C-alpha cells in the first residue's frame, strides 16, 4: 500500500514536470493559432477554392482573436 502511494505521488510530479517543460495546456497566442490554422489548411485542402476559404477563415479567426486581446 505504501509503494502505491509513492507511485501515485511520483506520477503526479512527473505529469506536472512534463507540463511545465513542454508548456502543454497553455493558451496559444493569436499568431501561433493563425500559423497552426494555415498549416492545417495547406495540409488538408487540395483545391484552390477550398484552400482560399480555409485561409480566409484563419484570417477571420486571427482578427477576432486580436479584438479579444489574447
C-alpha atoms as a PDB file:
ATOM      1  CA  UNK A   1       0.000   0.000   0.000  1.00  0.00           C
ATOM      2  CA  UNK A   2       2.829   2.377   0.860  1.00  0.00           C
ATOM      3  CA  UNK A   3       4.521   1.771  -2.503  1.00  0.00           C
ATOM      4  CA  UNK A   4       1.251   2.514  -4.318  1.00  0.00           C
ATOM      5  CA  UNK A   5       1.020   5.926  -2.652  1.00  0.00           C
ATOM      6  CA  UNK A   6       4.634   6.671  -3.569  1.00  0.00           C
ATOM      7  CA  UNK A   7       3.939   5.619  -7.157  1.00  0.00           C
ATOM      8  CA  UNK A   8       0.899   7.918  -7.391  1.00  0.00           C
ATOM      9  CA  UNK A   9       2.874  10.846  -5.986  1.00  0.00           C
ATOM     10  CA  UNK A  10       5.751  10.198  -8.403  1.00  0.00           C
ATOM     11  CA  UNK A  11       3.325  10.050 -11.334  1.00  0.00           C
ATOM     12  CA  UNK A  12       1.740  13.363 -10.308  1.00  0.00           C
ATOM     13  CA  UNK A  13       5.145  15.035 -10.004  1.00  0.00           C
ATOM     14  CA  UNK A  14       6.155  13.661 -13.405  1.00  0.00           C
ATOM     15  CA  UNK A  15       2.938  14.899 -15.003  1.00  0.00           C
ATOM     16  CA  UNK A  16       3.317  18.453 -13.714  1.00  0.00           C
ATOM     17  CA  UNK A  17       7.021  18.490 -14.601  1.00  0.00           C
ATOM     18  CA  UNK A  18       6.126  17.427 -18.156  1.00  0.00           C
ATOM     19  CA  UNK A  19       3.506  20.174 -18.437  1.00  0.00           C
ATOM     20  CA  UNK A  20       5.966  22.738 -17.102  1.00  0.00           C
ATOM     21  CA  UNK A  21       8.721  21.763 -19.515  1.00  0.00           C
ATOM     22  CA  UNK A  22       6.603  21.386 -22.658  1.00  0.00           C
ATOM     23  CA  UNK A  23       4.149  24.190 -21.982  1.00  0.00           C
ATOM     24  CA  UNK A  24       1.222  21.833 -22.582  1.00  0.00           C
ATOM     25  CA  UNK A  25      -2.106  23.311 -21.618  1.00  0.00           C
ATOM     26  CA  UNK A  26      -1.057  26.935 -22.062  1.00  0.00           C
ATOM     27  CA  UNK A  27      -3.230  29.002 -24.365  1.00  0.00           C
ATOM     28  CA  UNK A  28      -1.639  29.795 -27.693  1.00  0.00           C
ATOM     29  CA  UNK A  29      -1.140  33.349 -28.844  1.00  0.00           C
ATOM     30  CA  UNK A  30      -3.151  34.716 -31.747  1.00  0.00           C
ATOM     31  CA  UNK A  31      -0.175  34.482 -34.111  1.00  0.00           C
ATOM     32  CA  UNK A  32       0.586  30.889 -33.078  1.00  0.00           C
ATOM     33  CA  UNK A  33      -3.036  29.913 -33.599  1.00  0.00           C
ATOM     34  CA  UNK A  34      -3.034  31.576 -37.016  1.00  0.00           C
ATOM     35  CA  UNK A  35       0.173  29.771 -38.049  1.00  0.00           C
ATOM     36  CA  UNK A  36      -1.284  26.415 -36.955  1.00  0.00           C
ATOM     37  CA  UNK A  37      -4.538  27.113 -38.814  1.00  0.00           C
ATOM     38  CA  UNK A  38      -2.659  27.972 -42.016  1.00  0.00           C
ATOM     39  CA  UNK A  39      -0.533  24.836 -41.648  1.00  0.00           C
ATOM     40  CA  UNK A  40      -3.682  22.725 -41.398  1.00  0.00           C
ATOM     41  CA  UNK A  41      -5.115  24.477 -44.479  1.00  0.00           C
ATOM     42  CA  UNK A  42      -2.021  23.643 -46.512  1.00  0.00           C
ATOM     43  CA  UNK A  43      -2.121  20.001 -45.474  1.00  0.00           C
ATOM     44  CA  UNK A  44      -5.826  19.291 -45.805  1.00  0.00           C
ATOM     45  CA  UNK A  45      -7.032  21.250 -48.835  1.00  0.00           C
ATOM     46  CA  UNK A  46      -6.101  20.275 -52.370  1.00  0.00           C
ATOM     47  CA  UNK A  47      -8.331  22.525 -54.446  1.00  0.00           C
ATOM     48  CA  UNK A  48      -7.734  26.276 -54.729  1.00  0.00           C
ATOM     49  CA  UNK A  49     -11.238  27.460 -53.701  1.00  0.00           C
ATOM     50  CA  UNK A  50     -11.233  25.253 -50.608  1.00  0.00           C
ATOM     51  CA  UNK A  51      -7.729  26.390 -49.673  1.00  0.00           C
ATOM     52  CA  UNK A  52      -8.720  30.041 -50.098  1.00  0.00           C
ATOM     53  CA  UNK A  53     -11.826  29.559 -47.956  1.00  0.00           C
ATOM     54  CA  UNK A  54      -9.768  27.856 -45.245  1.00  0.00           C
ATOM     55  CA  UNK A  55      -7.168  30.654 -45.285  1.00  0.00           C
ATOM     56  CA  UNK A  56      -9.911  33.299 -45.144  1.00  0.00           C
ATOM     57  CA  UNK A  57     -11.331  31.528 -42.110  1.00  0.00           C
ATOM     58  CA  UNK A  58      -7.902  31.599 -40.456  1.00  0.00           C
ATOM     59  CA  UNK A  59      -7.618  35.318 -41.147  1.00  0.00           C
ATOM     60  CA  UNK A  60     -11.065  35.984 -39.639  1.00  0.00           C
ATOM     61  CA  UNK A  61     -10.157  33.924 -36.585  1.00  0.00           C
ATOM     62  CA  UNK A  62      -6.927  35.917 -36.177  1.00  0.00           C
ATOM     63  CA  UNK A  63      -8.805  39.216 -36.389  1.00  0.00           C
ATOM     64  CA  UNK A  64     -11.371  38.036 -33.829  1.00  0.00           C
ATOM     65  CA  UNK A  65      -8.616  36.818 -31.502  1.00  0.00           C
ATOM     66  CA  UNK A  66      -6.772  40.137 -31.712  1.00  0.00           C
ATOM     67  CA  UNK A  67     -10.007  42.037 -30.971  1.00  0.00           C
ATOM     68  CA  UNK A  68     -10.408  39.963 -27.812  1.00  0.00           C
ATOM     69  CA  UNK A  69      -6.876  40.932 -26.837  1.00  0.00           C
ATOM     70  CA  UNK A  70      -5.355  37.481 -26.343  1.00  0.00           C
END
